[in-house]
Amino acid sequence: MKVTSMTMRSRLRRVIPGVAAVLALAGGVRGDEVALAPGAVVKQAIGGRVRGQIESESPTEVVIAVAGAQVKIPIEQIASVRYDGQSASFQLAESRETGGQLAEAADLYRKAATESAEKPLPLRAALAREALVLTDLALIEPERMKDAQDRLKAFIQKYPSSRQITLARDALVRLQLHAGDTAAAAATIAELARNPQSAERAAVLKTKLLVRQEKYTEASAELDRLIAAAPKNSARRRAALLAKAECLAGMKDFKKAEQVAREVIAETPAEDAEAQAPAYNTLGDCLRAANRPKDALLAYLHTDLLYSKDREEHPRALFQIASLFRFLKQDAHADEFLQRLKREYPKSPWLNAKPSQ
């Protein structure tokens, strides 16, 4: 009897569970894809990715059907999600965002949302990414603050059960704190705290608010609890440690503040710019507050030399470098970095900031 390729596939489907899915993938059949975060383990993953048909999303998990079985992946184990038939504009927007072309990226995400009007999950993803990119843009171009906040609020109101809801609320708090609107920030933090998945993040943000209000003792006690409860080397622990360093500097315990900031730097992979840039800037803030301008200068220079792609932290570093050079009577260097700040971030609020030193 002649066994055709189709017959063999049919037999394999009956004999070996899951082979049908592997064959489908090998044959180029498209589907949704969930890329896992480093360290995440999902039995159905192949090469760190789970492919199938996404059935639902929520603030806590994504449910994807793989070979007829439902696979529930917790949000904290997900690095990214890509949908079958996702708009080409979305992919181009991702490329522009990675390259730091935030305004163009926001426009492309908006275009992707229009193109995905009949596809609820891709539509939601495009709207979320647009709002988040506008958040990053508003932190360096203040005139975009209202637009970014409006987009985030609209997304939160329309999609309160989305997988992106924590990111949206977190971004809104960042903008509210940046704008000095502590009452609004407190209300948004309270919303974050209602979701068990984001309660710890809400607690960290609350301590930032307390530090901003100079309630250092209250903030310090809460941060100690968060640090003790957070997994070692986790993003949550790093955020709490940096907030603790800021708190200690406010309490004038400069030695301990420096120690905590350096601990974050030592525990974080050197290539992790998203974590290292704020860590070095926080170290610089602590050293500047301790009246050690030369040491503070070196910390900020690390951000400039190694992590300049962080468009929120980099202008902060440039401003502090210029201010410290001015304080050290090295006006030529101060002018050089001030001109770079004006040239690279012409709309940054740091241009109008007053030196702390």
Protein backbone atom coordinates (compact mmCIF):
# COMPACT_ATOMS: atom_id res chain seq x y z
CA MET A 1 0.00 0.00 0.00
CA LYS A 2 1.35 3.38 -0.95
CA VAL A 3 1.56 5.76 1.98
CA THR A 4 1.16 9.39 0.94
CA SER A 5 2.46 12.36 2.88
CA MET A 6 -1.12 13.26 3.74
CA THR A 7 -1.82 9.74 5.02
CA MET A 8 1.29 9.81 7.19
CA ARG A 9 0.28 13.12 8.69
CA SER A 10 -3.17 11.75 9.44
CA ARG A 11 -1.69 8.71 11.24
CA LEU A 12 0.70 10.85 13.23
CA ARG A 13 -2.16 13.04 14.40
CA ARG A 14 -3.89 10.00 15.86
CA VAL A 15 -0.78 8.48 17.39
CA ILE A 16 1.25 11.35 18.85
CA PRO A 17 -0.54 14.15 20.74
CA GLY A 18 0.62 17.57 19.66
CA VAL A 19 2.35 16.47 16.46
CA ALA A 20 -0.40 18.06 14.41
CA ALA A 21 0.53 21.48 15.82
CA VAL A 22 4.23 20.95 15.07
CA LEU A 23 3.49 19.87 11.52
CA ALA A 24 1.21 22.83 11.01
CA LEU A 25 3.95 25.20 12.14
CA ALA A 26 6.54 23.47 9.99
CA GLY A 27 4.20 23.80 7.06
CA GLY A 28 4.02 27.55 7.49
CA VAL A 29 0.49 27.80 8.90
CA ARG A 30 0.22 31.16 10.61
CA GLY A 31 -1.16 31.90 14.06
CA ASP A 32 -0.90 34.14 17.07
CA GLU A 33 2.36 34.11 19.00
CA VAL A 34 3.24 34.80 22.64
CA ALA A 35 6.95 35.41 23.30
CA LEU A 36 7.91 34.46 26.83
CA ALA A 37 9.89 36.58 29.25
CA PRO A 38 13.36 35.32 30.22
CA GLY A 39 13.08 32.49 32.75
CA ALA A 40 9.42 31.75 31.98
CA VAL A 41 8.62 28.07 31.43
CA VAL A 42 5.56 26.93 29.48
CA LYS A 43 5.39 23.28 28.39
CA GLN A 44 3.91 24.11 24.99
CA ALA A 45 6.60 26.66 24.15
CA ILE A 46 8.96 26.12 21.23
CA GLY A 47 12.04 28.33 21.23
CA GLY A 48 10.61 30.54 23.97
CA ARG A 49 7.37 31.13 22.05
CA VAL A 50 3.87 29.73 22.25
CA ARG A 51 1.97 29.67 18.97
CA GLY A 52 -1.72 29.04 18.48
CA GLN A 53 -4.97 30.98 18.58
CA ILE A 54 -5.41 33.55 21.33
CA GLU A 55 -8.88 33.10 22.82
CA SER A 56 -8.87 35.79 25.50
CA GLU A 57 -6.77 38.35 27.33
CA SER A 58 -7.13 39.86 30.79
CA PRO A 59 -5.03 41.89 33.24
CA THR A 60 -3.73 38.61 34.70
CA GLU A 61 -3.28 36.20 31.78
CA VAL A 62 -3.47 35.40 28.07
CA VAL A 63 -5.34 32.24 27.08
CA ILE A 64 -4.11 30.66 23.85
CA ALA A 65 -5.38 27.47 22.21
CA VAL A 66 -2.56 25.13 21.17
CA ALA A 67 -3.43 21.85 19.42
CA GLY A 68 -6.94 21.92 20.88
CA ALA A 69 -5.78 22.58 24.45
CA GLN A 70 -6.11 25.83 26.38
CA VAL A 71 -2.83 27.27 27.65
CA LYS A 72 -3.01 30.03 30.27
CA ILE A 73 0.07 32.25 30.38
CA PRO A 74 0.39 34.73 33.29
CA ILE A 75 0.98 38.32 32.20
CA GLU A 76 4.26 38.55 34.13
CA GLN A 77 5.66 35.69 32.02
CA ILE A 78 4.95 37.44 28.72
CA ALA A 79 7.54 39.52 26.85
CA SER A 80 5.37 40.36 23.83
CA VAL A 81 2.35 39.24 21.82
CA ARG A 82 1.97 39.15 18.04
CA TYR A 83 -1.32 38.48 16.29
CA ASP A 84 -1.99 36.59 13.09
CA GLY A 85 -2.55 39.13 10.32
CA GLN A 86 -1.31 42.06 12.43
CA SER A 87 -1.05 45.30 10.46
CA ALA A 88 2.24 46.00 8.69
CA SER A 89 1.96 49.53 10.12
CA PHE A 90 2.22 48.05 13.62
CA GLN A 91 5.48 46.31 12.78
CA LEU A 92 6.86 49.48 11.21
CA ALA A 93 5.79 51.44 14.29
CA GLU A 94 7.73 49.02 16.50
CA SER A 95 10.80 49.61 14.38
CA ARG A 96 10.44 53.39 14.62
CA GLU A 97 9.89 53.17 18.38
CA THR A 98 13.02 51.06 18.83
CA GLY A 99 14.96 53.62 16.78
CA GLY A 100 13.77 56.47 19.00
CA GLN A 101 11.52 58.04 16.35
CA LEU A 102 8.65 58.36 18.79
CA ALA A 103 6.45 60.86 16.96
CA GLU A 104 6.49 58.77 13.80
CA ALA A 105 5.91 55.62 15.84
CA ALA A 106 2.83 57.13 17.50
CA ASP A 107 1.38 58.08 14.10
CA LEU A 108 2.00 54.58 12.77
CA TYR A 109 0.38 52.94 15.79
CA ARG A 110 -2.64 55.17 15.23
CA LYS A 111 -2.71 54.06 11.59
CA ALA A 112 -2.43 50.43 12.69
CA ALA A 113 -5.43 50.91 14.98
CA THR A 114 -7.49 52.21 12.07
CA GLU A 115 -6.41 49.27 9.92
CA SER A 116 -7.36 46.84 12.70
CA ALA A 117 -10.80 48.31 13.41
CA GLU A 118 -12.49 44.94 12.86
CA LYS A 119 -9.92 42.97 14.91
CA PRO A 120 -10.48 43.67 18.63
CA LEU A 121 -7.17 42.39 20.05
CA PRO A 122 -4.84 43.97 17.44
CA LEU A 123 -6.88 47.18 17.71
CA ARG A 124 -6.44 47.23 21.48
CA ALA A 125 -2.71 46.54 21.17
CA ALA A 126 -2.22 49.39 18.69
CA LEU A 127 -4.16 51.89 20.83
CA ALA A 128 -2.17 50.88 23.91
CA ARG A 129 1.17 51.22 22.15
CA GLU A 130 0.21 54.63 20.75
CA ALA A 131 -0.67 55.88 24.24
CA LEU A 132 2.53 54.47 25.75
CA VAL A 133 4.73 56.01 23.05
CA LEU A 134 2.99 59.35 23.54
CA THR A 135 3.81 59.00 27.26
CA ASP A 136 7.52 58.69 26.48
CA LEU A 137 7.23 61.62 24.09
CA ALA A 138 5.41 63.81 26.64
CA LEU A 139 8.25 63.36 29.11
CA ILE A 140 10.60 65.15 26.70
CA GLU A 141 8.05 67.37 24.92
CA PRO A 142 5.73 68.88 27.55
CA GLU A 143 3.23 70.21 25.00
CA ARG A 144 2.22 66.59 24.35
CA MET A 145 1.32 66.00 28.00
CA LYS A 146 -2.42 66.59 27.59
CA ASP A 147 -2.68 64.43 24.48
CA ALA A 148 -0.81 61.58 26.17
CA GLN A 149 -2.93 61.75 29.31
CA ASP A 150 -6.15 61.93 27.27
CA ARG A 151 -5.16 58.84 25.25
CA LEU A 152 -4.27 56.89 28.37
CA LYS A 153 -7.49 57.87 30.16
CA ALA A 154 -9.56 56.94 27.11
CA PHE A 155 -7.85 53.55 26.88
CA ILE A 156 -8.30 52.87 30.61
CA GLN A 157 -11.98 53.78 30.46
CA LYS A 158 -12.72 51.70 27.34
CA TYR A 159 -10.54 48.65 28.09
CA PRO A 160 -10.43 48.17 31.89
CA SER A 161 -10.08 44.39 31.49
CA SER A 162 -7.28 44.45 28.89
CA ARG A 163 -3.87 42.87 29.39
CA GLN A 164 -2.35 46.35 28.89
CA ILE A 165 -4.36 48.03 31.68
CA THR A 166 -1.53 47.92 34.24
CA LEU A 167 0.94 49.44 31.76
CA ALA A 168 -1.58 52.18 30.92
CA ARG A 169 -2.24 53.10 34.55
CA ASP A 170 1.48 52.97 35.34
CA ALA A 171 2.20 55.35 32.44
CA LEU A 172 -0.55 57.70 33.61
CA VAL A 173 0.97 57.85 37.10
CA ARG A 174 4.38 58.67 35.58
CA LEU A 175 2.85 61.62 33.71
CA GLN A 176 0.88 62.82 36.73
CA LEU A 177 3.96 62.70 38.97
CA HIS A 178 6.02 64.42 36.28
CA ALA A 179 3.42 67.18 36.08
CA GLY A 180 3.32 67.52 39.88
CA ASP A 181 -0.35 66.50 40.06
CA THR A 182 -0.04 64.47 43.26
CA ALA A 183 -3.80 64.21 43.89
CA ALA A 184 -4.43 62.67 40.46
CA ALA A 185 -1.40 60.39 40.87
CA ALA A 186 -2.72 59.15 44.22
CA ALA A 187 -6.10 58.32 42.65
CA THR A 188 -4.49 56.38 39.77
CA ILE A 189 -2.20 54.52 42.18
CA ALA A 190 -5.28 53.50 44.18
CA GLU A 191 -6.80 52.02 41.00
CA LEU A 192 -3.58 50.08 40.35
CA ALA A 193 -3.63 48.73 43.88
CA ARG A 194 -7.07 47.14 43.39
CA ASN A 195 -5.60 44.57 41.00
CA PRO A 196 -3.56 41.92 42.87
CA GLN A 197 -1.25 41.62 39.86
CA SER A 198 -0.26 45.29 40.06
CA ALA A 199 -0.58 45.87 43.80
CA GLU A 200 3.19 45.72 44.39
CA ARG A 201 3.87 48.16 41.55
CA ALA A 202 1.23 50.47 43.03
CA ALA A 203 2.99 50.26 46.39
CA VAL A 204 6.32 51.33 44.81
CA LEU A 205 4.64 54.24 43.06
CA LYS A 206 2.98 55.25 46.32
CA THR A 207 6.39 55.46 47.98
CA LYS A 208 7.60 57.68 45.13
CA LEU A 209 4.66 59.94 45.86
CA LEU A 210 5.53 59.95 49.57
CA VAL A 211 9.15 60.86 48.77
CA ARG A 212 7.89 63.68 46.54
CA GLN A 213 5.86 64.89 49.53
CA GLU A 214 8.97 64.49 51.75
CA LYS A 215 7.25 61.87 53.93
CA TYR A 216 10.48 59.92 54.14
CA THR A 217 9.86 57.87 57.29
CA GLU A 218 6.56 56.52 56.00
CA ALA A 219 8.05 55.81 52.58
CA SER A 220 11.12 54.08 54.03
CA ALA A 221 9.11 51.63 56.12
CA GLU A 222 6.94 50.63 53.16
CA LEU A 223 9.96 50.25 50.89
CA ASP A 224 11.68 47.93 53.37
CA ARG A 225 8.61 45.67 53.22
CA LEU A 226 8.54 45.72 49.41
CA ILE A 227 12.25 44.98 49.07
CA ALA A 228 12.04 42.04 51.47
CA ALA A 229 9.08 40.56 49.60
CA ALA A 230 10.39 41.04 46.04
CA PRO A 231 12.26 38.24 44.21
CA LYS A 232 16.00 38.83 43.94
CA ASN A 233 17.07 40.53 40.67
CA SER A 234 13.45 41.27 39.75
CA ALA A 235 12.38 44.56 38.15
CA ARG A 236 10.08 45.07 41.12
CA ARG A 237 12.97 44.85 43.58
CA ARG A 238 15.13 47.21 41.50
CA ALA A 239 12.37 49.81 41.40
CA ALA A 240 11.89 49.58 45.17
CA LEU A 241 15.64 49.83 45.82
CA LEU A 242 16.00 52.96 43.67
CA ALA A 243 13.04 54.53 45.47
CA LYS A 244 14.75 53.58 48.75
CA ALA A 245 17.96 55.30 47.61
CA GLU A 246 16.00 58.48 46.84
CA CYS A 247 14.32 58.23 50.22
CA LEU A 248 17.62 57.77 52.08
CA ALA A 249 19.12 60.76 50.27
CA GLY A 250 16.12 62.82 51.35
CA MET A 251 16.77 61.67 54.92
CA LYS A 252 20.45 62.72 54.46
CA ASP A 253 21.72 59.18 54.96
CA PHE A 254 23.97 59.64 51.94
CA LYS A 255 26.30 56.70 52.58
CA LYS A 256 23.44 54.23 52.69
CA ALA A 257 21.75 55.87 49.70
CA GLU A 258 24.91 55.42 47.62
CA GLN A 259 25.26 51.82 48.75
CA VAL A 260 21.70 50.97 47.70
CA ALA A 261 22.03 52.63 44.28
CA ARG A 262 25.31 50.82 43.62
CA GLU A 263 23.67 47.55 44.66
CA VAL A 264 21.12 47.97 41.88
CA ILE A 265 23.84 48.72 39.34
CA ALA A 266 25.88 45.67 40.41
CA GLU A 267 22.89 43.32 40.27
CA THR A 268 21.66 44.52 36.87
CA PRO A 269 23.06 43.24 33.55
CA ALA A 270 25.19 45.96 31.96
CA GLU A 271 23.20 45.75 28.71
CA ASP A 272 19.88 46.42 30.46
CA ALA A 273 19.66 50.12 29.59
CA GLU A 274 16.10 50.46 30.86
CA ALA A 275 17.28 49.57 34.36
CA GLN A 276 20.84 50.92 34.31
CA ALA A 277 20.05 54.45 33.11
CA PRO A 278 17.76 55.34 36.06
CA ALA A 279 20.12 53.53 38.43
CA TYR A 280 23.13 55.63 37.42
CA ASN A 281 21.04 58.81 37.45
CA THR A 282 19.75 57.96 40.93
CA LEU A 283 23.32 57.33 42.05
CA GLY A 284 24.24 60.73 40.63
CA ASP A 285 21.38 62.36 42.53
CA CYS A 286 22.51 60.75 45.78
CA LEU A 287 26.14 61.80 45.31
CA ARG A 288 25.14 65.32 44.30
CA ALA A 289 22.99 65.62 47.43
CA ALA A 290 25.99 64.43 49.46
CA ASN A 291 28.02 67.35 48.02
CA ARG A 292 30.30 65.10 45.98
CA PRO A 293 30.01 66.80 42.57
CA LYS A 294 32.91 65.01 40.86
CA ASP A 295 31.60 61.57 41.81
CA ALA A 296 28.07 62.59 40.80
CA LEU A 297 29.42 63.77 37.44
CA LEU A 298 30.93 60.35 36.76
CA ALA A 299 27.60 58.66 37.51
CA TYR A 300 25.66 60.89 35.10
CA LEU A 301 28.36 60.45 32.45
CA HIS A 302 27.73 56.70 32.59
CA THR A 303 24.15 57.37 31.48
CA ASP A 304 25.31 59.66 28.68
CA LEU A 305 28.07 57.39 27.39
CA LEU A 306 26.37 54.00 27.75
CA TYR A 307 22.61 54.49 27.91
CA SER A 308 21.80 57.53 25.78
CA LYS A 309 18.93 55.72 24.03
CA ASP A 310 16.80 56.13 27.14
CA ARG A 311 14.97 59.28 26.11
CA GLU A 312 13.58 59.90 29.59
CA GLU A 313 16.80 59.47 31.56
CA HIS A 314 19.29 60.83 29.01
CA PRO A 315 18.16 64.49 29.02
CA ARG A 316 18.10 64.34 32.81
CA ALA A 317 21.73 63.22 32.75
CA LEU A 318 22.76 65.90 30.23
CA PHE A 319 21.21 68.62 32.36
CA GLN A 320 22.95 67.42 35.51
CA ILE A 321 26.30 67.06 33.71
CA ALA A 322 26.06 70.64 32.42
CA SER A 323 25.06 71.91 35.86
CA LEU A 324 27.92 70.10 37.60
CA PHE A 325 30.52 71.29 35.10
CA ARG A 326 29.22 74.82 35.71
CA PHE A 327 29.52 74.30 39.46
CA LEU A 328 33.10 73.03 39.00
CA LYS A 329 33.96 76.18 37.00
CA GLN A 330 34.46 74.24 33.77
CA ASP A 331 32.25 76.48 31.69
CA ALA A 332 33.40 75.21 28.28
CA HIS A 333 32.29 71.68 29.14
CA ALA A 334 29.09 73.02 30.70
CA ASP A 335 28.26 74.91 27.50
CA GLU A 336 29.02 71.83 25.41
CA PHE A 337 26.55 69.63 27.29
CA LEU A 338 23.93 72.37 27.48
CA GLN A 339 24.12 72.75 23.70
CA ARG A 340 23.74 68.99 23.31
CA LEU A 341 20.66 69.08 25.52
CA LYS A 342 19.18 71.87 23.38
CA ARG A 343 20.08 70.13 20.13
CA GLU A 344 19.01 66.59 21.03
CA TYR A 345 15.99 67.48 23.19
CA PRO A 346 14.85 70.94 22.04
CA LYS A 347 11.51 70.65 23.84
CA SER A 348 12.69 68.97 27.02
CA PRO A 349 11.48 70.45 30.35
CA TRP A 350 15.05 70.03 31.60
CA LEU A 351 15.96 73.10 29.54
CA ASN A 352 13.98 75.21 31.98
CA ALA A 353 15.04 73.37 35.15
CA LYS A 354 17.10 75.05 37.86
CA PRO A 355 20.39 73.44 38.94
CA SER A 356 20.18 71.68 42.31
CA GLN A 357 23.92 72.04 43.01
